[in-house]
PDB file of N, CA and C in Angstrom:
ATOM      1  N   MET A   1       9.521 -11.715  -0.315  1.00  0.00           N
ATOM      2  CA  MET A   1       8.452 -12.088   0.237  1.00  0.00           C
ATOM      3  C   MET A   1       7.583 -11.217   0.742  1.00  0.00           C
ATOM      4  N   ALA A   2       8.040 -10.222   0.888  1.00  0.00           N
ATOM      5  CA  ALA A   2       7.006  -8.951   1.455  1.00  0.00           C
ATOM      6  C   ALA A   2       6.125  -8.675   0.584  1.00  0.00           C
ATOM      7  N   GLY A   3       6.767  -8.326  -0.630  1.00  0.00           N
ATOM      8  CA  GLY A   3       5.489  -7.992  -1.841  1.00  0.00           C
ATOM      9  C   GLY A   3       4.464  -9.099  -2.159  1.00  0.00           C
ATOM     10  N   VAL A   4       4.548 -10.457  -1.967  1.00  0.00           N
ATOM     11  CA  VAL A   4       3.877 -11.351  -2.141  1.00  0.00           C
ATOM     12  C   VAL A   4       2.851 -11.449  -1.140  1.00  0.00           C
ATOM     13  N   ARG A   5       3.220 -11.119   0.253  1.00  0.00           N
ATOM     14  CA  ARG A   5       2.331 -10.955   1.440  1.00  0.00           C
ATOM     15  C   ARG A   5       1.535  -9.554   1.238  1.00  0.00           C
ATOM     16  N   ALA A   6       2.190  -8.751   0.881  1.00  0.00           N
ATOM     17  CA  ALA A   6       1.405  -7.449   0.755  1.00  0.00           C
ATOM     18  C   ALA A   6       0.260  -7.111  -0.228  1.00  0.00           C
ATOM     19  N   GLU A   7       0.574  -7.785  -1.495  1.00  0.00           N
ATOM     20  CA  GLU A   7      -0.390  -7.670  -2.627  1.00  0.00           C
ATOM     21  C   GLU A   7      -0.517  -9.151  -3.105  1.00  0.00           C
ATOM     22  N   PRO A   8      -1.236 -10.095  -2.707  1.00  0.00           N
ATOM     23  CA  PRO A   8      -0.771 -11.964  -3.016  1.00  0.00           C
ATOM     24  C   PRO A   8      -1.246 -12.151  -4.543  1.00  0.00           C
ATOM     25  N   LEU A   9      -2.058 -10.869  -5.194  1.00  0.00           N
ATOM     26  CA  LEU A   9      -2.232 -11.322  -6.547  1.00  0.00           C
ATOM     27  C   LEU A   9      -1.372 -10.266  -7.565  1.00  0.00           C
ATOM     28  N   ARG A  10      -0.394  -9.705  -6.889  1.00  0.00           N
ATOM     29  CA  ARG A  10       0.381  -9.041  -7.759  1.00  0.00           C
ATOM     30  C   ARG A  10       1.386 -10.105  -8.451  1.00  0.00           C
ATOM     31  N   GLU A  11       1.294 -10.442  -9.931  1.00  0.00           N
ATOM     32  CA  GLU A  11       2.234 -11.464 -10.445  1.00  0.00           C
ATOM     33  C   GLU A  11       3.539 -11.071 -10.469  1.00  0.00           C
ATOM     34  N   SER A  12       4.095  -9.863 -10.557  1.00  0.00           N
ATOM     35  CA  SER A  12       5.258  -9.304 -10.329  1.00  0.00           C
ATOM     36  C   SER A  12       5.925  -9.864  -9.302  1.00  0.00           C
ATOM     37  N   ALA A  13       5.473  -9.951  -8.316  1.00  0.00           N
ATOM     38  CA  ALA A  13       6.287 -10.410  -7.053  1.00  0.00           C
ATOM     39  C   ALA A  13       6.544 -11.610  -6.925  1.00  0.00           C
ATOM     40  N   HIS A  14       5.492 -12.439  -7.495  1.00  0.00           N
ATOM     41  CA  HIS A  14       5.423 -14.072  -7.439  1.00  0.00           C
ATOM     42  C   HIS A  14       6.548 -14.356  -8.562  1.00  0.00           C
ATOM     43  N   ARG A  15       6.721 -13.689  -9.790  1.00  0.00           N
ATOM     44  CA  ARG A  15       7.856 -13.937 -10.756  1.00  0.00           C
ATOM     45  C   ARG A  15       8.900 -13.791 -10.100  1.00  0.00           C
ATOM     46  N   ALA A  16       9.250 -12.802  -9.492  1.00  0.00           N
ATOM     47  CA  ALA A  16      10.547 -12.551  -8.618  1.00  0.00           C
ATOM     48  C   ALA A  16      10.756 -13.668  -7.608  1.00  0.00           C
ATOM     49  N   VAL A  17       9.847 -14.025  -6.862  1.00  0.00           N
ATOM     50  CA  VAL A  17      10.034 -15.399  -6.214  1.00  0.00           C
ATOM     51  C   VAL A  17      10.466 -16.619  -6.833  1.00  0.00           C
ATOM     52  N   VAL A  18       9.967 -16.908  -7.883  1.00  0.00           N
ATOM     53  CA  VAL A  18      10.061 -18.092  -8.746  1.00  0.00           C
ATOM     54  C   VAL A  18      11.374 -17.708  -9.422  1.00  0.00           C
ATOM     55  N   SER A  19      11.910 -16.666  -9.761  1.00  0.00           N
ATOM     56  CA  SER A  19      13.184 -16.608 -10.439  1.00  0.00           C
ATOM     57  C   SER A  19      14.284 -16.644  -9.209  1.00  0.00           C
ATOM     58  N   VAL A  20      14.150 -16.281  -8.082  1.00  0.00           N
ATOM     59  CA  VAL A  20      15.372 -16.562  -7.086  1.00  0.00           C
ATOM     60  C   VAL A  20      15.067 -17.919  -6.803  1.00  0.00           C
ATOM     61  N   HIS A  21      14.366 -18.782  -6.837  1.00  0.00           N
ATOM     62  CA  HIS A  21      14.178 -20.094  -6.699  1.00  0.00           C
ATOM     63  C   HIS A  21      15.062 -20.847  -7.479  1.00  0.00           C
ATOM     64  N   LEU A  22      14.479 -20.327  -8.954  1.00  0.00           N
ATOM     65  CA  LEU A  22      15.299 -20.959 -10.158  1.00  0.00           C
ATOM     66  C   LEU A  22      16.930 -20.799 -10.051  1.00  0.00           C
ATOM     67  N   ALA A  23      17.243 -19.320  -9.610  1.00  0.00           N
ATOM     68  CA  ALA A  23      18.362 -18.999  -9.426  1.00  0.00           C
ATOM     69  C   ALA A  23      19.249 -19.568  -8.360  1.00  0.00           C
ATOM     70  N   GLU A  24      18.717 -20.126  -7.534  1.00  0.00           N
ATOM     71  CA  GLU A  24      19.126 -20.967  -6.653  1.00  0.00           C
ATOM     72  C   GLU A  24      19.400 -22.494  -6.858  1.00  0.00           C
ATOM     73  N   GLY A  25      18.507 -22.867  -7.979  1.00  0.00           N
ATOM     74  CA  GLY A  25      18.612 -24.328  -7.967  1.00  0.00           C
ATOM     75  C   GLY A  25      17.170 -25.015  -7.451  1.00  0.00           C
ATOM     76  N   ASN A  26      16.643 -24.084  -6.948  1.00  0.00           N
ATOM     77  CA  ASN A  26      15.475 -24.676  -5.855  1.00  0.00           C
ATOM     78  C   ASN A  26      13.962 -24.966  -7.030  1.00  0.00           C
ATOM     79  N   LEU A  27      14.255 -26.091  -7.821  1.00  0.00           N
ATOM     80  CA  LEU A  27      13.153 -26.159  -8.872  1.00  0.00           C
ATOM     81  C   LEU A  27      11.843 -26.583  -8.539  1.00  0.00           C
ATOM     82  N   HIS A  28      11.892 -27.402  -7.258  1.00  0.00           N
ATOM     83  CA  HIS A  28      10.662 -27.863  -6.728  1.00  0.00           C
ATOM     84  C   HIS A  28       9.939 -26.517  -5.986  1.00  0.00           C
ATOM     85  N   GLU A  29      10.537 -25.891  -5.451  1.00  0.00           N
ATOM     86  CA  GLU A  29      10.076 -24.617  -4.741  1.00  0.00           C
ATOM     87  C   GLU A  29       9.494 -23.817  -5.711  1.00  0.00           C
ATOM     88  N   ALA A  30      10.264 -23.618  -7.022  1.00  0.00           N
ATOM     89  CA  ALA A  30       9.885 -22.671  -8.150  1.00  0.00           C
ATOM     90  C   ALA A  30       8.602 -23.122  -8.432  1.00  0.00           C
ATOM     91  N   ILE A  31       8.548 -24.452  -8.921  1.00  0.00           N
ATOM     92  CA  ILE A  31       7.202 -24.985  -9.328  1.00  0.00           C
ATOM     93  C   ILE A  31       6.296 -25.021  -8.555  1.00  0.00           C
ATOM     94  N   ARG A  32       6.572 -25.382  -7.267  1.00  0.00           N
ATOM     95  CA  ARG A  32       5.369 -25.303  -6.199  1.00  0.00           C
ATOM     96  C   ARG A  32       4.827 -23.873  -5.827  1.00  0.00           C
ATOM     97  N   HIS A  33       5.565 -22.716  -5.923  1.00  0.00           N
ATOM     98  CA  HIS A  33       5.279 -21.534  -5.959  1.00  0.00           C
ATOM     99  C   HIS A  33       4.285 -21.207  -7.051  1.00  0.00           C
ATOM    100  N   TYR A  34       4.695 -21.501  -8.522  1.00  0.00           N
ATOM    101  CA  TYR A  34       4.104 -21.217  -9.533  1.00  0.00           C
ATOM    102  C   TYR A  34       2.746 -21.771  -9.486  1.00  0.00           C
ATOM    103  N   HIS A  35       2.558 -22.847  -9.066  1.00  0.00           N
ATOM    104  CA  HIS A  35       1.163 -23.616  -9.294  1.00  0.00           C
ATOM    105  C   HIS A  35       0.436 -23.249  -8.082  1.00  0.00           C
ATOM    106  N   ALA A  36       1.069 -22.791  -6.895  1.00  0.00           N
ATOM    107  CA  ALA A  36       0.067 -21.955  -5.686  1.00  0.00           C
ATOM    108  C   ALA A  36      -0.535 -20.505  -6.573  1.00  0.00           C
ATOM    109  N   PHE A  37       0.091 -20.121  -6.805  1.00  0.00           N
ATOM    110  CA  PHE A  37      -0.137 -18.682  -7.614  1.00  0.00           C
ATOM    111  C   PHE A  37      -1.156 -18.947  -8.701  1.00  0.00           C
ATOM    112  N   ARG A  38      -1.070 -19.982  -9.535  1.00  0.00           N
ATOM    113  CA  ARG A  38      -1.554 -20.166 -10.692  1.00  0.00           C
ATOM    114  C   ARG A  38      -3.120 -20.701 -10.025  1.00  0.00           C
ATOM    115  N   ARG A  39      -3.253 -21.346  -9.006  1.00  0.00           N
ATOM    116  CA  ARG A  39      -4.534 -21.846  -8.506  1.00  0.00           C
ATOM    117  C   ARG A  39      -5.215 -20.475  -7.941  1.00  0.00           C
ATOM    118  N   MET A  40      -4.491 -19.610  -7.033  1.00  0.00           N
ATOM    119  CA  MET A  40      -5.166 -18.463  -6.529  1.00  0.00           C
ATOM    120  C   MET A  40      -5.372 -17.581  -7.640  1.00  0.00           C
ATOM    121  N   VAL A  41      -4.966 -17.178  -8.738  1.00  0.00           N
ATOM    122  CA  VAL A  41      -5.501 -16.563  -9.735  1.00  0.00           C
ATOM    123  C   VAL A  41      -6.446 -16.847 -10.506  1.00  0.00           C
ATOM    124  N   LEU A  42      -6.402 -18.416 -10.601  1.00  0.00           N
ATOM    125  CA  LEU A  42      -7.723 -19.036 -11.275  1.00  0.00           C
ATOM    126  C   LEU A  42      -8.961 -19.002 -10.264  1.00  0.00           C
ATOM    127  N   ASP A  43      -8.769 -19.133  -8.985  1.00  0.00           N
ATOM    128  CA  ASP A  43      -9.788 -19.100  -8.191  1.00  0.00           C
ATOM    129  C   ASP A  43     -10.475 -17.784  -7.773  1.00  0.00           C
ATOM    130  N   GLU A  44      -9.549 -16.769  -7.622  1.00  0.00           N
ATOM    131  CA  GLU A  44      -9.835 -15.470  -7.730  1.00  0.00           C
ATOM    132  C   GLU A  44     -10.134 -14.664  -8.693  1.00  0.00           C
ATOM    133  N   LEU A  45      -9.733 -14.713  -9.740  1.00  0.00           N
ATOM    134  CA  LEU A  45      -9.635 -14.006 -11.020  1.00  0.00           C
ATOM    135  C   LEU A  45     -10.361 -14.454 -12.370  1.00  0.00           C
ATOM    136  N   GLY A  46     -10.195 -15.998 -12.392  1.00  0.00           N
ATOM    137  CA  GLY A  46     -10.733 -17.009 -13.382  1.00  0.00           C
ATOM    138  C   GLY A  46      -9.649 -16.640 -14.401  1.00  0.00           C
ATOM    139  N   VAL A  47      -8.252 -16.320 -14.181  1.00  0.00           N
ATOM    140  CA  VAL A  47      -7.496 -16.132 -15.253  1.00  0.00           C
ATOM    141  C   VAL A  47      -5.981 -16.968 -14.851  1.00  0.00           C
ATOM    142  N   GLU A  48      -5.362 -17.185 -16.272  1.00  0.00           N
ATOM    143  CA  GLU A  48      -4.134 -17.918 -16.004  1.00  0.00           C
ATOM    144  C   GLU A  48      -2.944 -16.801 -15.683  1.00  0.00           C
ATOM    145  N   PRO A  49      -1.878 -17.293 -15.253  1.00  0.00           N
ATOM    146  CA  PRO A  49      -0.778 -16.582 -15.230  1.00  0.00           C
ATOM    147  C   PRO A  49      -0.505 -16.157 -16.498  1.00  0.00           C
ATOM    148  N   SER A  50       0.599 -14.934 -16.509  1.00  0.00           N
ATOM    149  CA  SER A  50       0.902 -14.576 -18.010  1.00  0.00           C
ATOM    150  C   SER A  50       1.847 -15.299 -18.660  1.00  0.00           C
ATOM    151  N   PRO A  51       2.052 -15.296 -20.020  1.00  0.00           N
ATOM    152  CA  PRO A  51       2.933 -15.933 -20.727  1.00  0.00           C
ATOM    153  C   PRO A  51       4.201 -15.711 -20.279  1.00  0.00           C
ATOM    154  N   ARG A  52       4.469 -14.458 -20.062  1.00  0.00           N
ATOM    155  CA  ARG A  52       5.851 -14.209 -19.397  1.00  0.00           C
ATOM    156  C   ARG A  52       6.259 -15.062 -18.057  1.00  0.00           C
ATOM    157  N   PHE A  53       5.055 -14.915 -17.196  1.00  0.00           N
ATOM    158  CA  PHE A  53       5.523 -15.795 -15.783  1.00  0.00           C
ATOM    159  C   PHE A  53       5.706 -17.343 -16.532  1.00  0.00           C
ATOM    160  N   THR A  54       4.806 -17.783 -17.299  1.00  0.00           N
ATOM    161  CA  THR A  54       4.889 -19.335 -17.707  1.00  0.00           C
ATOM    162  C   THR A  54       6.247 -19.810 -18.306  1.00  0.00           C
ATOM    163  N   HIS A  55       6.776 -18.853 -19.236  1.00  0.00           N
ATOM    164  CA  HIS A  55       7.893 -18.933 -19.988  1.00  0.00           C
ATOM    165  C   HIS A  55       9.322 -18.818 -18.635  1.00  0.00           C
ATOM    166  N   LEU A  56       9.069 -18.289 -17.622  1.00  0.00           N
ATOM    167  CA  LEU A  56      10.043 -18.723 -16.837  1.00  0.00           C
ATOM    168  C   LEU A  56      10.502 -20.253 -16.465  1.00  0.00           C
ATOM    169  N   LEU A  57       9.341 -21.218 -16.759  1.00  0.00           N
ATOM    170  CA  LEU A  57       9.583 -22.367 -16.158  1.00  0.00           C
ATOM    171  C   LEU A  57       9.675 -23.304 -17.422  1.00  0.00           C
ATOM    172  N   SER A  58       9.831 -22.624 -18.677  1.00  0.00           N
ATOM    173  CA  SER A  58       9.916 -23.478 -20.110  1.00  0.00           C
ATOM    174  C   SER A  58      11.135 -24.100 -20.398  1.00  0.00           C
ATOM    175  N   ALA A  59      12.262 -23.394 -19.717  1.00  0.00           N
ATOM    176  CA  ALA A  59      13.517 -24.365 -19.908  1.00  0.00           C
ATOM    177  C   ALA A  59      13.702 -25.750 -19.044  1.00  0.00           C
ATOM    178  N   PHE A  60      12.288 -25.943 -18.350  1.00  0.00           N
ATOM    179  CA  PHE A  60      12.419 -27.306 -17.826  1.00  0.00           C
ATOM    180  C   PHE A  60      11.041 -27.877 -18.121  1.00  0.00           C
ATOM    181  N   PRO A  61      11.198 -28.699 -19.292  1.00  0.00           N
ATOM    182  CA  PRO A  61       9.805 -28.902 -19.980  1.00  0.00           C
ATOM    183  C   PRO A  61       9.235 -29.935 -19.090  1.00  0.00           C
ATOM    184  N   SER A  62       9.952 -30.732 -18.379  1.00  0.00           N
ATOM    185  CA  SER A  62       9.399 -31.965 -17.373  1.00  0.00           C
ATOM    186  C   SER A  62       8.833 -31.402 -16.028  1.00  0.00           C
ATOM    187  N   LEU A  63       9.223 -29.848 -16.001  1.00  0.00           N
ATOM    188  CA  LEU A  63       8.419 -29.349 -14.693  1.00  0.00           C
ATOM    189  C   LEU A  63       7.486 -28.456 -15.091  1.00  0.00           C
ATOM    190  N   SER A  64       7.561 -27.746 -16.536  1.00  0.00           N
ATOM    191  CA  SER A  64       6.694 -26.705 -16.751  1.00  0.00           C
ATOM    192  C   SER A  64       5.397 -26.984 -16.661  1.00  0.00           C
ATOM    193  N   PRO A  65       4.764 -25.705 -16.144  1.00  0.00           N
ATOM    194  CA  PRO A  65       2.972 -25.989 -15.772  1.00  0.00           C
ATOM    195  C   PRO A  65       2.292 -26.245 -17.175  1.00  0.00           C
ATOM    196  N   PRO A  66       0.979 -26.901 -16.921  1.00  0.00           N
ATOM    197  CA  PRO A  66       0.239 -27.306 -17.869  1.00  0.00           C
ATOM    198  C   PRO A  66      -0.036 -25.979 -18.937  1.00  0.00           C
ATOM    199  N   ALA A  67       0.104 -26.367 -20.308  1.00  0.00           N
ATOM    200  CA  ALA A  67      -0.445 -25.228 -21.014  1.00  0.00           C
ATOM    201  C   ALA A  67      -2.044 -25.134 -21.065  1.00  0.00           C
ATOM    202  N   GLY A  68      -2.669 -24.223 -21.530  1.00  0.00           N
ATOM    203  CA  GLY A  68      -4.048 -23.702 -21.204  1.00  0.00           C
ATOM    204  C   GLY A  68      -4.546 -24.123 -19.998  1.00  0.00           C
ATOM    205  N   ASP A  69      -5.805 -24.787 -19.863  1.00  0.00           N
ATOM    206  CA  ASP A  69      -6.500 -24.748 -18.354  1.00  0.00           C
ATOM    207  C   ASP A  69      -5.943 -25.872 -17.586  1.00  0.00           C
ATOM    208  N   GLY A  70      -5.241 -26.696 -18.105  1.00  0.00           N
ATOM    209  CA  GLY A  70      -4.619 -27.778 -17.394  1.00  0.00           C
ATOM    210  C   GLY A  70      -5.874 -28.744 -17.156  1.00  0.00           C
ATOM    211  N   GLY A  71      -6.844 -28.637 -17.393  1.00  0.00           N
ATOM    212  CA  GLY A  71      -7.716 -29.448 -16.950  1.00  0.00           C
ATOM    213  C   GLY A  71      -8.559 -29.114 -15.920  1.00  0.00           C
ATOM    214  N   VAL A  72      -8.379 -27.536 -15.461  1.00  0.00           N
ATOM    215  CA  VAL A  72      -8.943 -26.955 -14.572  1.00  0.00           C
ATOM    216  C   VAL A  72     -10.316 -26.179 -14.893  1.00  0.00           C
ATOM    217  N   THR A  73     -11.483 -26.543 -14.242  1.00  0.00           N
ATOM    218  CA  THR A  73     -12.639 -25.875 -14.790  1.00  0.00           C
ATOM    219  C   THR A  73     -13.102 -24.953 -13.847  1.00  0.00           C
ATOM    220  N   PRO A  74     -12.729 -23.426 -14.399  1.00  0.00           N
ATOM    221  CA  PRO A  74     -13.280 -22.575 -13.644  1.00  0.00           C
ATOM    222  C   PRO A  74     -14.681 -22.643 -13.100  1.00  0.00           C
ATOM    223  N   GLY A  75     -14.724 -22.072 -11.584  1.00  0.00           N
ATOM    224  CA  GLY A  75     -15.941 -22.531 -11.145  1.00  0.00           C
ATOM    225  C   GLY A  75     -16.783 -21.295 -10.489  1.00  0.00           C
TER     226      GLY A  75
END
């Protein structure tokens, strides 16, 4: 978590956190963290998380993040 706090826009740190949550069976926290990161990069940079990050959640189709912009309109 120190990496996330030190550089909040660094995706690799957030991927590590989500990976740990998934490894521990904390699906809700993995999804929550992914969506929080997704909102942040959309707001700050106007981009989606990488396919590599999104793929982490693809094993859980009912929990996977939305494809594309998910209805979010960058502003």
